[in-house]
Amino acid sequence: MLLCKIIKKRVLRFLISNYLLHLDMKNILRILIVFLFCTLYKAQQANVSVLKYEDLEKKIKSEKDKFLVVNFWATTCAPCVKELPHFMEINNQYAGNSKFKMILVSLDRLVDKERVLKFIKNKNLTAEVVLLDDIKRMNTWIPRFEKEWDGNIPVTIFYKNGAKLHFNDGEMSKEDLETTITENLQ
């Protein structure tokens, strides 16, 4: 992020100092490429919303017109980290579909928020990430999501038209994720 800011400052200085001079197409192309790079670089989430269970529930309900993939994970969970590249590939595949949305719900502790942000950047997570800061009440909210959920992660819940469609307990393969989405997203 710092590199991007430095590049933008240099480009702006270059533009200002050369504004009155001629700018050939080669320089204009360079400028456009740098700005495009910086824009794409910023596509990653720069902040994480911290939610309680009730807020997450409202967020899920507010997406009732979409096919929603909600994945519960943590940076310290090896199976969670292993499956995330598949989730990002699928999320990027459906990025242009207004009827699709993916939310990654981090169960990391609030004190580890900076680690979660670094993880988002390092792993290039493009889906929306929220931090569920409600560990003390997990025995209350876990069964509200799914009665069969024993609290282990990763867990993925699929919603269609606001209703829970499918619950997946454990790591999900790319094929299973693709199949669940393609069979239900219309």
Protein backbone atom coordinates (compact mmCIF):
# COMPACT_ATOMS: atom_id res chain seq x y z
CA MET A 1 0.00 0.00 0.00
CA LEU A 2 2.87 2.34 0.85
CA LEU A 3 4.54 1.53 -2.47
CA CYS A 4 1.33 2.43 -4.29
CA LYS A 5 1.15 5.80 -2.49
CA ILE A 6 4.77 6.56 -3.37
CA ILE A 7 4.17 5.67 -7.02
CA LYS A 8 1.05 7.86 -7.14
CA LYS A 9 2.94 10.81 -5.64
CA ARG A 10 5.74 10.43 -8.19
CA VAL A 11 3.27 10.17 -11.04
CA LEU A 12 1.46 13.29 -9.85
CA ARG A 13 4.77 15.16 -9.53
CA PHE A 14 5.68 14.04 -13.03
CA LEU A 15 2.34 15.19 -14.39
CA ILE A 16 2.56 18.59 -12.71
CA SER A 17 6.16 19.20 -13.76
CA ASN A 18 5.54 18.06 -17.35
CA TYR A 19 2.06 19.44 -17.78
CA LEU A 20 3.18 22.40 -19.84
CA LEU A 21 5.65 20.27 -21.77
CA HIS A 22 4.51 17.80 -24.36
CA LEU A 23 3.27 14.42 -23.23
CA ASP A 24 3.67 11.73 -25.82
CA MET A 25 1.50 8.61 -25.97
CA LYS A 26 4.21 6.48 -24.39
CA ASN A 27 4.19 8.58 -21.21
CA ILE A 28 0.41 8.78 -21.11
CA LEU A 29 0.26 4.98 -21.37
CA ARG A 30 2.75 4.63 -18.52
CA ILE A 31 0.65 6.90 -16.34
CA LEU A 32 -2.54 4.98 -17.10
CA ILE A 33 -0.86 1.65 -16.34
CA VAL A 34 0.41 2.91 -12.99
CA PHE A 35 -3.02 4.22 -11.99
CA LEU A 36 -4.67 0.99 -13.13
CA PHE A 37 -2.16 -1.03 -11.07
CA CYS A 38 -2.80 1.10 -8.00
CA THR A 39 -6.55 0.83 -8.43
CA LEU A 40 -6.42 -2.96 -8.73
CA TYR A 41 -4.02 -3.16 -5.80
CA LYS A 42 -6.57 -1.33 -3.64
CA ALA A 43 -9.30 -3.83 -4.58
CA GLN A 44 -8.40 -5.82 -1.50
CA GLN A 45 -10.28 -4.97 1.65
CA ALA A 46 -8.48 -2.27 3.65
CA ASN A 47 -10.59 -2.68 6.78
CA VAL A 48 -12.62 -5.36 8.49
CA SER A 49 -16.03 -4.73 9.99
CA VAL A 50 -16.34 -6.03 13.54
CA LEU A 51 -19.78 -7.52 14.17
CA LYS A 52 -21.76 -9.18 16.91
CA TYR A 53 -23.99 -12.13 16.04
CA GLU A 54 -27.13 -9.98 15.66
CA ASP A 55 -25.33 -7.68 13.20
CA LEU A 56 -24.16 -10.64 11.13
CA GLU A 57 -27.67 -12.07 11.13
CA LYS A 58 -29.05 -8.73 9.86
CA LYS A 59 -26.34 -8.60 7.19
CA ILE A 60 -27.25 -12.08 5.97
CA LYS A 61 -30.97 -11.24 5.94
CA SER A 62 -30.31 -8.03 4.01
CA GLU A 63 -28.83 -10.09 1.16
CA LYS A 64 -32.07 -12.04 0.63
CA ASP A 65 -32.15 -11.34 -3.12
CA LYS A 66 -28.78 -13.07 -3.61
CA PHE A 67 -27.26 -16.51 -3.53
CA LEU A 68 -25.08 -16.07 -0.47
CA VAL A 69 -22.02 -18.10 0.52
CA VAL A 70 -21.05 -17.55 4.17
CA ASN A 71 -17.80 -19.17 5.24
CA PHE A 72 -16.70 -19.29 8.90
CA TRP A 73 -12.93 -19.50 9.25
CA ALA A 74 -9.87 -18.32 11.19
CA THR A 75 -6.28 -17.46 10.28
CA THR A 76 -5.06 -20.15 12.69
CA CYS A 77 -7.18 -22.93 11.15
CA ALA A 78 -5.13 -24.95 8.63
CA PRO A 79 -8.14 -26.47 6.77
CA CYS A 80 -9.69 -22.98 6.57
CA VAL A 81 -6.55 -21.49 5.06
CA LYS A 82 -6.24 -24.45 2.67
CA GLU A 83 -9.73 -24.00 1.20
CA LEU A 84 -9.65 -20.18 0.88
CA PRO A 85 -7.89 -20.11 -2.54
CA HIS A 86 -10.79 -22.17 -3.97
CA PHE A 87 -13.27 -19.74 -2.45
CA MET A 88 -11.41 -16.77 -3.94
CA GLU A 89 -11.27 -18.38 -7.37
CA ILE A 90 -15.03 -18.95 -7.28
CA ASN A 91 -15.68 -15.48 -5.85
CA ASN A 92 -13.67 -13.91 -8.68
CA GLN A 93 -15.48 -16.07 -11.23
CA TYR A 94 -18.87 -14.73 -10.07
CA ALA A 95 -17.70 -11.18 -9.30
CA GLY A 96 -19.84 -9.72 -12.08
CA ASN A 97 -23.00 -11.58 -11.06
CA SER A 98 -25.30 -9.29 -9.05
CA LYS A 99 -27.17 -12.35 -7.69
CA PHE A 100 -24.04 -13.76 -6.00
CA LYS A 101 -22.21 -12.72 -2.85
CA MET A 102 -19.58 -14.29 -0.62
CA ILE A 103 -18.91 -13.29 2.98
CA LEU A 104 -15.94 -14.66 4.91
CA VAL A 105 -16.64 -14.56 8.66
CA SER A 106 -13.40 -14.57 10.63
CA LEU A 107 -13.62 -16.09 14.08
CA ASP A 108 -10.22 -14.69 15.06
CA ARG A 109 -10.11 -12.69 18.28
CA LEU A 110 -10.64 -8.93 18.13
CA VAL A 111 -7.08 -8.39 19.41
CA ASP A 112 -5.89 -10.20 16.24
CA LYS A 113 -7.66 -7.81 13.85
CA GLU A 114 -4.34 -6.55 12.42
CA ARG A 115 -3.28 -10.13 11.72
CA VAL A 116 -6.56 -10.67 9.88
CA LEU A 117 -5.94 -7.54 7.78
CA LYS A 118 -2.42 -8.72 6.90
CA PHE A 119 -3.82 -12.15 6.05
CA ILE A 120 -6.40 -10.57 3.71
CA LYS A 121 -3.63 -8.73 1.86
CA ASN A 122 -1.16 -11.63 1.79
CA LYS A 123 -3.75 -14.14 0.57
CA ASN A 124 -5.41 -11.62 -1.78
CA LEU A 125 -8.89 -12.20 -0.35
CA THR A 126 -11.36 -10.40 -2.58
CA ALA A 127 -14.59 -11.45 -0.86
CA GLU A 128 -16.01 -9.33 1.93
CA VAL A 129 -14.42 -10.25 5.26
CA VAL A 130 -16.04 -9.54 8.64
CA LEU A 131 -14.73 -10.29 12.11
CA LEU A 132 -17.31 -11.88 14.38
CA ASP A 133 -16.45 -10.59 17.85
CA ASP A 134 -18.88 -12.69 19.83
CA ILE A 135 -16.84 -15.64 21.12
CA LYS A 136 -18.27 -15.45 24.64
CA ARG A 137 -21.77 -16.17 23.31
CA MET A 138 -20.78 -18.76 20.70
CA ASN A 139 -22.83 -21.49 22.41
CA THR A 140 -25.86 -19.26 21.82
CA TRP A 141 -25.31 -18.21 18.20
CA ILE A 142 -23.79 -21.39 16.72
CA PRO A 143 -27.03 -23.41 16.99
CA ARG A 144 -28.95 -20.46 15.50
CA PHE A 145 -26.93 -20.87 12.33
CA GLU A 146 -27.14 -24.67 12.35
CA LYS A 147 -28.33 -27.09 15.03
CA GLU A 148 -25.86 -29.74 13.84
CA TRP A 149 -22.85 -27.39 13.98
CA ASP A 150 -20.52 -28.48 16.79
CA GLY A 151 -18.41 -25.29 16.66
CA ASN A 152 -15.57 -26.66 14.53
CA ILE A 153 -14.38 -24.71 11.50
CA PRO A 154 -14.31 -24.36 8.58
CA VAL A 155 -18.04 -24.24 8.04
CA THR A 156 -19.86 -22.92 4.98
CA ILE A 157 -23.55 -22.06 4.88
CA PHE A 158 -25.36 -21.33 1.61
CA TYR A 159 -28.46 -19.13 1.47
CA LYS A 160 -30.86 -18.60 -1.40
CA ASN A 161 -33.59 -15.98 -1.29
CA GLY A 162 -32.87 -15.45 2.41
CA ALA A 163 -33.36 -19.10 3.37
CA LYS A 164 -30.64 -21.52 4.41
CA LEU A 165 -30.11 -23.95 1.57
CA HIS A 166 -27.08 -26.04 2.53
CA PHE A 167 -24.73 -26.50 5.48
CA ASN A 168 -21.21 -27.84 4.91
CA ASP A 169 -19.29 -28.88 8.01
CA GLY A 170 -15.55 -29.05 7.35
CA GLU A 171 -13.22 -28.27 4.49
CA MET A 172 -14.87 -27.91 1.11
CA SER A 173 -13.27 -28.94 -2.17
CA LYS A 174 -13.38 -26.60 -5.13
CA GLU A 175 -15.56 -29.12 -6.99
CA ASP A 176 -18.13 -29.33 -4.15
CA LEU A 177 -18.19 -25.55 -3.85
CA GLU A 178 -18.67 -25.12 -7.62
CA THR A 179 -21.36 -27.81 -7.74
CA THR A 180 -23.36 -26.29 -4.87
CA ILE A 181 -23.22 -22.85 -6.46
CA THR A 182 -23.96 -23.85 -10.08
CA GLU A 183 -26.86 -26.10 -9.06
CA ASN A 184 -28.51 -23.32 -7.06
CA LEU A 185 -27.54 -19.99 -8.63
CA GLN A 186 -30.03 -18.93 -11.28
